[in-house]
Amino acid sequence: MSEQQITSLQIPEQQGVFRELVSDALAHAKKLGASDAVAEVSESKGLVVSVRSGDIETIEQTRDRSLDVTVYAGQRRGSASTSDFSAQALRETVAAAWHIARHTAEDDCAGLPDPDRLAVEPYPDLQLHHPWDISAEDAAALALKAEAAAFATSPKITNTDGASVDTFEGHFVMGNSAGFMGGYPYSRHSVSVSPIAGKGNGMQRDYWYSSARDWRVLADPAVVGRYAAERTLSRLSARRIKTGRFPVLFEAPLAVGLVGALVQAVSGGALYRKASFLLDAVGKQVMADHLDLHENPWISAAAGSSPFDSEGVRTAPRSVVIGGVLQGYFLSTYTGRKLGLPTTGNAGGSHNLALRSRLTRSDDDLPAMLRKMGTGLLVTELIGQGVNYVTGDYSRGAFGYWVENGEIQHAVEEITIAGNLADMLRQIVAVGSDTMLRGAKSTGSILIEQMSIAGA
């Protein structure tokens, strides 16, 4: 083993130790007078190796651990944390949380989840942990391979913003005074590269990456490098287009952002603050009637899989949108109580969302989607935020490709696309079969009937 390789986590042995620490923290909170308590113990390690222009640029190694405690004095709560797992530090951390709880204002929605909502052991093994015992030297070799492949694609690739290999793993145990105790190990790994093409004012940059919980299913670094280079080279023809209203096709990696926008708008935090354009939307048409959105937390080795959410509430597959009609929100215990609704097991976020159209055929790949659009804009990059979730107004800087008669004509830069999310979601004409997974969301390319494009 290389001296630069982080020593492995002793997960089987530590899981037992972590359970004892959680139990001790909960017991001490009760001893101090807390009505309820939550404790979580976690440990992780990571390695990120970045290269640029054939040389190693950075090697970052991390090793973290934490004991986090939240205690309740009725409906007042306080939290504290430490990286010291000694008995004295544990007691001091619980005492600090208890002190804070006694001096905060009451919140009638604060408290643990209802016991009947909590997950119960044994939890399903979702294959979330695939450690990668790779040295810094070997990680650098993979990153260099990705960058070299980008350079070898064309002499027009003149530089890069670098390539990197990232590996991370950790584990945790969480418990509360309502009887929940659970935890598991997890991992995530990635390889990425960002080539630069051209010279002077004509330079363009793009990127590509592959990520997975299991390092064995990552794309070959050379494949990642070549594809990143091809994407970069295709941008060299970029120019502006005239202002107008046109169909817009979101490339699949960007289209997941539209799913994310819907999730944000129907999440509890936005809803109870009345900071969403989709208030009281359950049972109403929020997307085109050929669209379904499903959530499945139990997909083996998927990025968004978990047997329980960050409060210990059990997860379950569900349909969020059926035929364009919203079936439910994304709620934690707290936000659910604010709205007078039960938790949906989404404390900490959504779990493996998949958007599908009932109109999609197996051969509806990106070229087919371009033909469906005919004349319009294929968007491959978005710039800035530009989303107002209160009104739904959407305005983003963009880069993409002008399409005529279903064929790409040239790249397009220095434009802004605009619309309203409420209209955009209902005006989705088609979803491609070119399904792409990004994080915990997946969809194919998304074609929107019409948007405003501000150009020259």
Protein backbone atom coordinates (compact mmCIF):
# COMPACT_ATOMS: atom_id res chain seq x y z
CA MET A 1 0.00 0.00 0.00
CA SER A 2 1.28 3.47 -0.87
CA GLU A 3 2.17 5.81 1.98
CA GLN A 4 -0.17 8.32 0.32
CA GLN A 5 -3.16 6.01 0.55
CA ILE A 6 -5.56 6.68 3.40
CA THR A 7 -5.93 3.72 5.73
CA SER A 8 -9.24 1.94 5.38
CA LEU A 9 -12.20 2.51 7.66
CA GLN A 10 -12.77 -0.32 10.13
CA ILE A 11 -16.49 -0.27 9.46
CA PRO A 12 -17.73 -3.60 10.90
CA GLU A 13 -15.90 -3.01 14.19
CA GLN A 14 -16.80 0.69 14.35
CA GLN A 15 -20.52 0.17 13.72
CA GLY A 16 -20.78 -1.53 17.11
CA VAL A 17 -18.75 1.22 18.78
CA PHE A 18 -20.92 3.88 17.14
CA ARG A 19 -24.10 2.22 18.40
CA GLU A 20 -22.72 2.34 21.94
CA LEU A 21 -21.84 6.03 21.56
CA VAL A 22 -25.35 6.83 20.31
CA SER A 23 -26.90 4.89 23.19
CA ASP A 24 -24.66 6.66 25.71
CA ALA A 25 -25.55 10.08 24.29
CA LEU A 26 -29.27 9.35 24.42
CA ALA A 27 -29.01 8.02 27.97
CA HIS A 28 -27.08 11.08 29.15
CA ALA A 29 -29.62 13.43 27.55
CA LYS A 30 -32.40 11.64 29.41
CA LYS A 31 -30.41 11.87 32.64
CA LEU A 32 -30.11 15.65 32.23
CA GLY A 33 -33.88 15.94 31.85
CA ALA A 34 -34.36 16.03 28.08
CA SER A 35 -37.80 14.94 26.94
CA ASP A 36 -36.34 13.50 23.71
CA ALA A 37 -33.01 13.29 21.95
CA VAL A 38 -31.33 12.35 18.67
CA ALA A 39 -27.69 11.38 18.23
CA GLU A 40 -25.64 10.52 15.17
CA VAL A 41 -22.04 9.32 14.96
CA SER A 42 -20.27 9.35 11.60
CA GLU A 43 -16.85 8.82 10.06
CA SER A 44 -15.62 9.32 6.49
CA LYS A 45 -12.51 9.49 4.35
CA GLY A 46 -11.84 10.86 0.91
CA LEU A 47 -9.17 11.24 -1.74
CA VAL A 48 -9.21 13.74 -4.61
CA VAL A 49 -6.34 13.80 -7.11
CA SER A 50 -6.27 16.53 -9.77
CA VAL A 51 -3.90 16.78 -12.73
CA ARG A 52 -3.37 19.45 -15.36
CA SER A 53 -1.26 19.55 -18.50
CA GLY A 54 0.28 16.18 -17.72
CA ASP A 55 1.33 17.01 -14.16
CA ILE A 56 -0.19 16.29 -10.77
CA GLU A 57 -1.71 19.54 -9.51
CA THR A 58 -3.27 18.65 -6.15
CA ILE A 59 -3.70 15.67 -3.85
CA GLU A 60 -6.34 16.18 -1.18
CA GLN A 61 -6.98 13.62 1.52
CA THR A 62 -9.69 13.99 4.13
CA ARG A 63 -10.57 12.08 7.26
CA ASP A 64 -13.53 13.32 9.29
CA ARG A 65 -15.66 12.12 12.14
CA SER A 66 -18.44 13.70 14.13
CA LEU A 67 -20.84 13.17 17.01
CA ASP A 68 -23.99 15.29 16.55
CA VAL A 69 -26.61 15.61 19.25
CA THR A 70 -30.03 17.28 19.31
CA VAL A 71 -32.00 17.38 22.54
CA TYR A 72 -35.54 18.52 23.25
CA ALA A 73 -36.95 20.28 26.28
CA GLY A 74 -40.58 19.83 25.37
CA GLN A 75 -40.86 21.69 22.08
CA ARG A 76 -37.65 23.58 22.48
CA ARG A 77 -34.53 22.10 20.95
CA GLY A 78 -30.77 22.57 20.94
CA SER A 79 -27.94 20.98 19.00
CA ALA A 80 -24.19 20.55 19.48
CA SER A 81 -21.41 18.50 17.90
CA THR A 82 -17.87 17.30 18.50
CA SER A 83 -15.17 15.29 16.78
CA ASP A 84 -13.95 13.94 20.13
CA PHE A 85 -15.50 10.57 20.94
CA SER A 86 -14.24 10.37 24.53
CA ALA A 87 -16.76 9.86 27.33
CA GLN A 88 -16.09 13.32 28.75
CA ALA A 89 -16.52 15.02 25.35
CA LEU A 90 -19.76 13.13 24.79
CA ARG A 91 -21.18 14.31 28.11
CA GLU A 92 -20.06 17.89 27.47
CA THR A 93 -21.61 17.90 24.00
CA VAL A 94 -24.95 16.60 25.28
CA ALA A 95 -24.84 19.18 28.08
CA ALA A 96 -24.16 21.97 25.59
CA ALA A 97 -27.14 20.92 23.46
CA TRP A 98 -29.32 20.74 26.59
CA HIS A 99 -28.23 24.23 27.64
CA ILE A 100 -29.17 25.61 24.23
CA ALA A 101 -32.54 23.85 24.25
CA ARG A 102 -33.55 25.39 27.57
CA HIS A 103 -32.90 28.89 26.25
CA THR A 104 -34.58 28.73 22.83
CA ALA A 105 -38.14 29.62 21.95
CA GLU A 106 -40.80 26.94 21.78
CA ASP A 107 -41.77 25.64 18.35
CA ASP A 108 -45.05 23.73 18.28
CA CYS A 109 -43.85 21.69 15.28
CA ALA A 110 -40.55 20.60 16.82
CA GLY A 111 -40.05 17.02 17.93
CA LEU A 112 -39.22 13.52 16.84
CA PRO A 113 -41.12 11.70 14.10
CA ASP A 114 -44.14 9.71 15.18
CA PRO A 115 -42.92 6.23 16.25
CA ASP A 116 -45.11 4.43 13.72
CA ARG A 117 -43.27 6.29 10.91
CA LEU A 118 -39.81 5.09 11.92
CA ALA A 119 -37.93 2.40 10.04
CA VAL A 120 -37.57 -0.96 11.76
CA GLU A 121 -34.66 -3.39 11.53
CA PRO A 122 -33.67 -5.40 9.60
CA TYR A 123 -33.14 -2.76 6.92
CA PRO A 124 -32.79 -3.79 3.26
CA ASP A 125 -29.22 -4.10 2.00
CA LEU A 126 -29.17 -1.62 -0.87
CA GLN A 127 -25.50 -2.20 -1.79
CA LEU A 128 -24.49 1.39 -1.06
CA HIS A 129 -20.89 0.68 -0.02
CA HIS A 130 -18.19 -0.16 -2.56
CA PRO A 131 -14.80 0.97 -1.18
CA TRP A 132 -12.04 1.77 -3.65
CA ASP A 133 -8.63 1.04 -2.16
CA ILE A 134 -6.72 3.17 -4.65
CA SER A 135 -3.47 5.00 -3.96
CA ALA A 136 -2.89 8.64 -4.85
CA GLU A 137 -0.41 7.50 -7.49
CA ASP A 138 -2.90 5.17 -9.15
CA ALA A 139 -5.65 7.79 -9.00
CA ALA A 140 -3.30 10.28 -10.65
CA ALA A 141 -2.55 7.75 -13.40
CA LEU A 142 -6.28 7.44 -14.16
CA ALA A 143 -6.73 11.22 -14.20
CA LEU A 144 -3.72 11.59 -16.50
CA LYS A 145 -5.20 8.94 -18.79
CA ALA A 146 -8.44 10.93 -19.05
CA GLU A 147 -6.59 14.17 -19.81
CA ALA A 148 -4.27 12.51 -22.31
CA ALA A 149 -7.26 11.07 -24.17
CA ALA A 150 -8.74 14.57 -24.41
CA PHE A 151 -5.51 15.99 -25.84
CA ALA A 152 -5.21 13.09 -28.30
CA THR A 153 -8.68 13.72 -29.72
CA SER A 154 -7.61 16.77 -31.73
CA PRO A 155 -4.73 19.27 -31.97
CA LYS A 156 -7.41 21.91 -31.40
CA ILE A 157 -7.53 20.83 -27.75
CA THR A 158 -4.90 23.30 -26.55
CA ASN A 159 -5.25 23.11 -22.77
CA THR A 160 -7.41 21.77 -19.96
CA ASP A 161 -8.88 22.98 -16.71
CA GLY A 162 -7.68 19.66 -15.39
CA ALA A 163 -8.85 16.12 -14.79
CA SER A 164 -9.58 14.51 -11.45
CA VAL A 165 -10.37 11.24 -9.72
CA ASP A 166 -12.42 11.41 -6.53
CA THR A 167 -13.13 8.59 -4.10
CA PHE A 168 -15.13 8.85 -0.88
CA GLU A 169 -16.57 6.46 1.68
CA GLY A 170 -18.10 6.73 5.10
CA HIS A 171 -20.53 5.20 7.57
CA PHE A 172 -22.81 6.37 10.35
CA VAL A 173 -25.17 5.28 13.10
CA MET A 174 -28.18 7.38 14.09
CA GLY A 175 -30.60 6.83 16.93
CA ASN A 176 -33.33 8.60 18.85
CA SER A 177 -35.19 8.23 22.13
CA ALA A 178 -38.30 6.97 20.31
CA GLY A 179 -36.51 3.66 19.76
CA PHE A 180 -34.96 4.09 16.33
CA MET A 181 -31.38 2.95 15.74
CA GLY A 182 -29.81 2.46 12.33
CA GLY A 183 -26.90 3.16 10.06
CA TYR A 184 -24.93 1.88 7.11
CA PRO A 185 -21.74 2.42 5.12
CA TYR A 186 -21.79 4.24 1.78
CA SER A 187 -19.44 5.35 -0.99
CA ARG A 188 -19.23 7.52 -4.09
CA HIS A 189 -16.54 7.84 -6.75
CA SER A 190 -16.01 9.88 -9.90
CA VAL A 191 -13.65 10.71 -12.76
CA SER A 192 -13.89 14.00 -14.66
CA VAL A 193 -12.04 16.10 -17.22
CA SER A 194 -12.50 19.63 -18.61
CA PRO A 195 -10.71 20.31 -21.92
CA ILE A 196 -10.13 23.71 -23.57
CA ALA A 197 -10.15 24.17 -27.34
CA GLY A 198 -8.99 27.03 -29.53
CA LYS A 199 -6.87 30.09 -28.82
CA GLY A 200 -7.29 33.69 -27.76
CA ASN A 201 -10.85 35.02 -27.91
CA GLY A 202 -11.98 31.86 -29.68
CA MET A 203 -11.37 29.50 -26.77
CA GLN A 204 -14.14 27.18 -25.58
CA ARG A 205 -14.39 24.83 -22.62
CA ASP A 206 -16.65 21.90 -21.81
CA TYR A 207 -16.45 18.89 -19.48
CA TRP A 208 -17.70 15.39 -18.81
CA TYR A 209 -17.66 13.05 -15.86
CA SER A 210 -18.69 9.62 -14.68
CA SER A 211 -19.82 8.95 -11.11
CA ALA A 212 -21.10 5.92 -9.22
CA ARG A 213 -21.22 4.31 -5.80
CA ASP A 214 -19.32 1.33 -7.25
CA TRP A 215 -15.99 2.31 -8.82
CA ARG A 216 -16.12 -0.78 -11.03
CA VAL A 217 -18.94 0.68 -13.12
CA LEU A 218 -17.26 4.04 -13.78
CA ALA A 219 -16.67 4.80 -17.44
CA ASP A 220 -13.14 4.25 -18.74
CA PRO A 221 -11.15 7.48 -18.12
CA ALA A 222 -10.08 7.54 -21.78
CA VAL A 223 -13.74 7.42 -22.86
CA VAL A 224 -14.57 10.28 -20.49
CA GLY A 225 -11.64 12.29 -21.84
CA ARG A 226 -12.49 11.77 -25.50
CA TYR A 227 -16.16 12.62 -25.04
CA ALA A 228 -15.31 15.75 -23.05
CA ALA A 229 -12.99 16.79 -25.88
CA GLU A 230 -15.66 16.16 -28.53
CA ARG A 231 -18.12 18.30 -26.60
CA THR A 232 -15.53 21.07 -26.36
CA LEU A 233 -14.62 20.94 -30.04
CA SER A 234 -18.28 21.20 -31.07
CA ARG A 235 -18.46 24.59 -29.34
CA LEU A 236 -15.90 26.24 -31.62
CA SER A 237 -18.58 27.24 -34.14
CA ALA A 238 -20.41 29.31 -31.51
CA ARG A 239 -22.14 32.55 -32.45
CA ARG A 240 -25.22 34.50 -31.41
CA ILE A 241 -28.71 34.17 -32.85
CA LYS A 242 -31.59 36.59 -33.18
CA THR A 243 -34.13 37.15 -30.43
CA GLY A 244 -37.40 35.25 -30.75
CA ARG A 245 -39.65 32.50 -29.42
CA PHE A 246 -38.65 28.96 -30.37
CA PRO A 247 -38.91 25.35 -29.21
CA VAL A 248 -36.18 24.45 -26.70
CA LEU A 249 -34.69 20.99 -26.16
CA PHE A 250 -32.84 20.49 -22.86
CA GLU A 251 -30.06 17.91 -23.13
CA ALA A 252 -30.62 15.08 -20.65
CA PRO A 253 -27.89 16.12 -18.14
CA LEU A 254 -29.54 19.56 -17.92
CA ALA A 255 -33.10 18.27 -18.09
CA VAL A 256 -32.73 16.77 -14.61
CA GLY A 257 -32.59 20.38 -13.43
CA LEU A 258 -36.21 20.84 -14.50
CA VAL A 259 -37.12 17.85 -12.32
CA GLY A 260 -35.14 19.47 -9.51
CA ALA A 261 -37.05 22.72 -10.00
CA LEU A 262 -40.35 20.88 -9.57
CA VAL A 263 -39.04 19.19 -6.42
CA GLN A 264 -37.95 22.53 -4.98
CA ALA A 265 -41.37 24.04 -5.66
CA VAL A 266 -43.26 21.21 -3.93
CA SER A 267 -40.88 20.76 -0.98
CA GLY A 268 -42.14 21.48 2.50
CA GLY A 269 -39.77 24.33 3.30
CA ALA A 270 -40.91 26.38 0.31
CA LEU A 271 -44.56 25.48 0.82
CA TYR A 272 -44.98 26.40 4.47
CA ARG A 273 -43.12 29.67 3.88
CA LYS A 274 -45.44 30.28 0.91
CA ALA A 275 -42.37 30.74 -1.28
CA SER A 276 -43.54 28.54 -4.14
CA PHE A 277 -45.58 28.97 -7.31
CA LEU A 278 -47.13 25.54 -6.65
CA LEU A 279 -48.99 26.13 -3.38
CA ASP A 280 -51.89 23.73 -2.74
CA ALA A 281 -51.00 21.85 -5.93
CA VAL A 282 -51.75 18.26 -4.88
CA GLY A 283 -54.44 16.85 -7.16
CA LYS A 284 -53.80 19.53 -9.76
CA GLN A 285 -52.17 19.41 -13.20
CA VAL A 286 -48.56 20.56 -12.80
CA MET A 287 -46.96 18.85 -15.82
CA ALA A 288 -48.03 17.71 -19.28
CA ASP A 289 -50.60 14.90 -19.09
CA HIS A 290 -48.28 12.30 -20.66
CA LEU A 291 -45.71 12.59 -17.83
CA ASP A 292 -45.17 10.45 -14.74
CA LEU A 293 -42.63 11.05 -11.98
CA HIS A 294 -41.72 8.12 -9.71
CA GLU A 295 -39.57 7.97 -6.59
CA ASN A 296 -37.83 4.72 -5.63
CA PRO A 297 -35.47 4.77 -2.61
CA TRP A 298 -34.76 1.04 -2.89
CA ILE A 299 -32.76 0.82 -6.14
CA SER A 300 -29.59 -1.18 -5.53
CA ALA A 301 -26.39 0.92 -5.48
CA ALA A 302 -28.17 4.09 -6.68
CA ALA A 303 -27.06 7.54 -5.52
CA GLY A 304 -30.42 8.40 -3.96
CA SER A 305 -31.13 5.08 -2.26
CA SER A 306 -31.68 4.75 1.48
CA PRO A 307 -33.79 2.51 3.74
CA PHE A 308 -34.70 5.56 5.87
CA ASP A 309 -34.40 9.33 5.63
CA SER A 310 -32.21 11.60 7.76
CA GLU A 311 -34.74 11.42 10.60
CA GLY A 312 -35.01 7.62 10.61
CA VAL A 313 -38.40 7.65 8.86
CA ARG A 314 -38.79 4.63 6.60
CA THR A 315 -38.73 5.25 2.88
CA ALA A 316 -40.91 3.63 0.23
CA PRO A 317 -41.42 3.83 -3.53
CA ARG A 318 -44.22 6.16 -4.61
CA SER A 319 -45.62 8.05 -7.59
CA VAL A 320 -45.13 11.80 -7.25
CA VAL A 321 -46.81 12.74 -10.54
CA ILE A 322 -49.27 10.59 -12.50
CA GLY A 323 -50.51 11.80 -15.86
CA GLY A 324 -49.17 15.27 -15.04
CA VAL A 325 -51.18 15.47 -11.79
CA LEU A 326 -49.24 16.03 -8.54
CA GLN A 327 -49.83 13.24 -6.01
CA GLY A 328 -47.78 14.47 -3.05
CA TYR A 329 -45.14 16.79 -1.68
CA PHE A 330 -41.61 16.23 -0.34
CA LEU A 331 -41.92 16.59 3.42
CA SER A 332 -39.90 16.06 6.57
CA THR A 333 -41.56 15.64 9.95
CA TYR A 334 -41.15 19.34 10.72
CA THR A 335 -42.33 20.74 7.39
CA GLY A 336 -45.18 18.24 7.34
CA ARG A 337 -46.38 19.45 10.73
CA LYS A 338 -46.15 23.03 9.51
CA LEU A 339 -48.55 22.07 6.72
CA GLY A 340 -50.71 19.75 8.78
CA LEU A 341 -49.55 16.74 6.77
CA PRO A 342 -47.58 13.56 7.55
CA THR A 343 -43.92 13.24 6.61
CA THR A 344 -43.21 11.63 3.24
CA GLY A 345 -39.81 10.29 4.32
CA ASN A 346 -37.94 13.06 2.50
CA ALA A 347 -35.98 14.68 5.30
CA GLY A 348 -32.65 15.18 3.58
CA GLY A 349 -34.06 15.26 0.04
CA SER A 350 -35.63 13.14 -2.68
CA HIS A 351 -34.75 9.53 -3.49
CA ASN A 352 -34.09 8.37 -7.08
CA LEU A 353 -36.62 10.34 -9.07
CA ALA A 354 -37.34 9.16 -12.62
CA LEU A 355 -39.32 11.26 -15.10
CA ARG A 356 -40.93 9.28 -17.91
CA SER A 357 -43.29 10.12 -20.77
CA ARG A 358 -45.99 7.74 -21.97
CA LEU A 359 -45.21 8.95 -25.51
CA THR A 360 -41.53 7.98 -25.48
CA ARG A 361 -40.44 5.19 -27.82
CA SER A 362 -37.24 3.17 -27.52
CA ASP A 363 -35.73 4.88 -30.59
CA ASP A 364 -36.35 8.41 -29.32
CA ASP A 365 -32.64 9.15 -28.90
CA LEU A 366 -31.14 12.65 -29.15
CA PRO A 367 -31.12 12.73 -33.00
CA ALA A 368 -34.79 11.69 -32.96
CA MET A 369 -35.57 14.42 -30.43
CA LEU A 370 -33.84 16.98 -32.68
CA ARG A 371 -36.07 15.86 -35.53
CA LYS A 372 -39.14 16.20 -33.31
CA MET A 373 -38.09 19.78 -32.53
CA GLY A 374 -37.42 20.64 -36.16
CA THR A 375 -36.17 24.21 -35.77
CA GLY A 376 -35.15 25.53 -32.37
CA LEU A 377 -32.47 25.51 -29.68
CA LEU A 378 -30.70 22.54 -28.11
CA VAL A 379 -29.45 23.70 -24.68
CA THR A 380 -26.35 22.02 -23.25
CA GLU A 381 -25.25 24.51 -20.58
CA LEU A 382 -27.04 26.88 -18.23
CA ILE A 383 -25.38 29.87 -16.59
CA GLY A 384 -26.42 31.54 -13.34
CA GLN A 385 -29.44 30.91 -11.13
CA GLY A 386 -32.29 33.03 -12.46
CA VAL A 387 -35.20 31.04 -11.02
CA ASN A 388 -37.84 32.74 -8.88
CA TYR A 389 -39.69 29.98 -7.06
CA VAL A 390 -42.31 32.36 -5.69
CA THR A 391 -43.54 33.38 -9.15
CA GLY A 392 -42.08 30.57 -11.27
CA ASP A 393 -40.23 33.07 -13.49
CA TYR A 394 -37.28 31.40 -15.19
CA SER A 395 -34.40 33.26 -16.89
CA ARG A 396 -30.99 31.67 -17.43
CA GLY A 397 -27.93 32.39 -19.48
CA ALA A 398 -27.39 29.50 -21.87
CA PHE A 399 -25.09 27.80 -24.36
CA GLY A 400 -26.32 25.37 -26.97
CA TYR A 401 -26.82 24.59 -30.64
CA TRP A 402 -29.13 26.04 -33.28
CA VAL A 403 -31.13 23.36 -35.04
CA GLU A 404 -32.92 23.57 -38.39
CA ASN A 405 -34.91 20.75 -39.99
CA GLY A 406 -33.76 18.46 -37.19
CA GLU A 407 -30.04 19.02 -37.88
CA ILE A 408 -27.53 20.96 -35.76
CA GLN A 409 -26.27 24.00 -37.70
CA HIS A 410 -23.84 25.66 -35.30
CA ALA A 411 -23.15 26.36 -31.64
CA VAL A 412 -24.89 29.30 -29.94
CA GLU A 413 -23.51 31.51 -27.17
CA GLU A 414 -24.34 34.74 -25.31
CA ILE A 415 -28.06 34.09 -25.12
CA THR A 416 -30.70 33.99 -22.40
CA ILE A 417 -33.67 31.65 -22.31
CA ALA A 418 -36.76 32.67 -20.37
CA GLY A 419 -40.21 31.44 -19.45
CA ASN A 420 -42.30 30.51 -16.45
CA LEU A 421 -41.80 27.13 -14.79
CA ALA A 422 -45.54 26.56 -14.43
CA ASP A 423 -45.92 26.92 -18.19
CA MET A 424 -42.70 25.10 -19.05
CA LEU A 425 -43.63 21.99 -17.09
CA ARG A 426 -47.07 21.84 -18.71
CA GLN A 427 -45.62 22.51 -22.17
CA ILE A 428 -43.23 19.55 -22.21
CA VAL A 429 -43.89 18.04 -25.62
CA ALA A 430 -41.64 14.98 -25.40
CA VAL A 431 -39.05 13.20 -23.28
CA GLY A 432 -36.26 11.27 -25.00
CA SER A 433 -35.15 7.70 -24.46
CA ASP A 434 -31.59 9.04 -23.97
CA THR A 435 -32.03 8.69 -20.22
CA MET A 436 -29.26 10.17 -18.10
CA LEU A 437 -28.77 9.77 -14.35
CA ARG A 438 -27.38 12.79 -12.54
CA GLY A 439 -27.29 12.49 -8.77
CA ALA A 440 -30.63 11.18 -7.54
CA LYS A 441 -32.62 12.16 -10.63
CA SER A 442 -32.96 10.67 -14.11
CA THR A 443 -34.67 11.72 -17.31
CA GLY A 444 -34.12 11.81 -21.03
CA SER A 445 -33.80 15.05 -23.00
CA ILE A 446 -36.85 17.30 -22.53
CA LEU A 447 -38.50 19.21 -25.37
CA ILE A 448 -40.48 22.32 -24.39
CA GLU A 449 -42.97 23.69 -26.89
CA GLN A 450 -41.70 27.30 -26.83
CA MET A 451 -39.56 29.68 -24.81
CA SER A 452 -38.26 33.20 -25.24
CA ILE A 453 -34.67 33.42 -26.45
CA ALA A 454 -32.83 36.71 -26.12
CA GLY A 455 -29.92 36.90 -28.53
CA ALA A 456 -28.48 39.55 -30.82
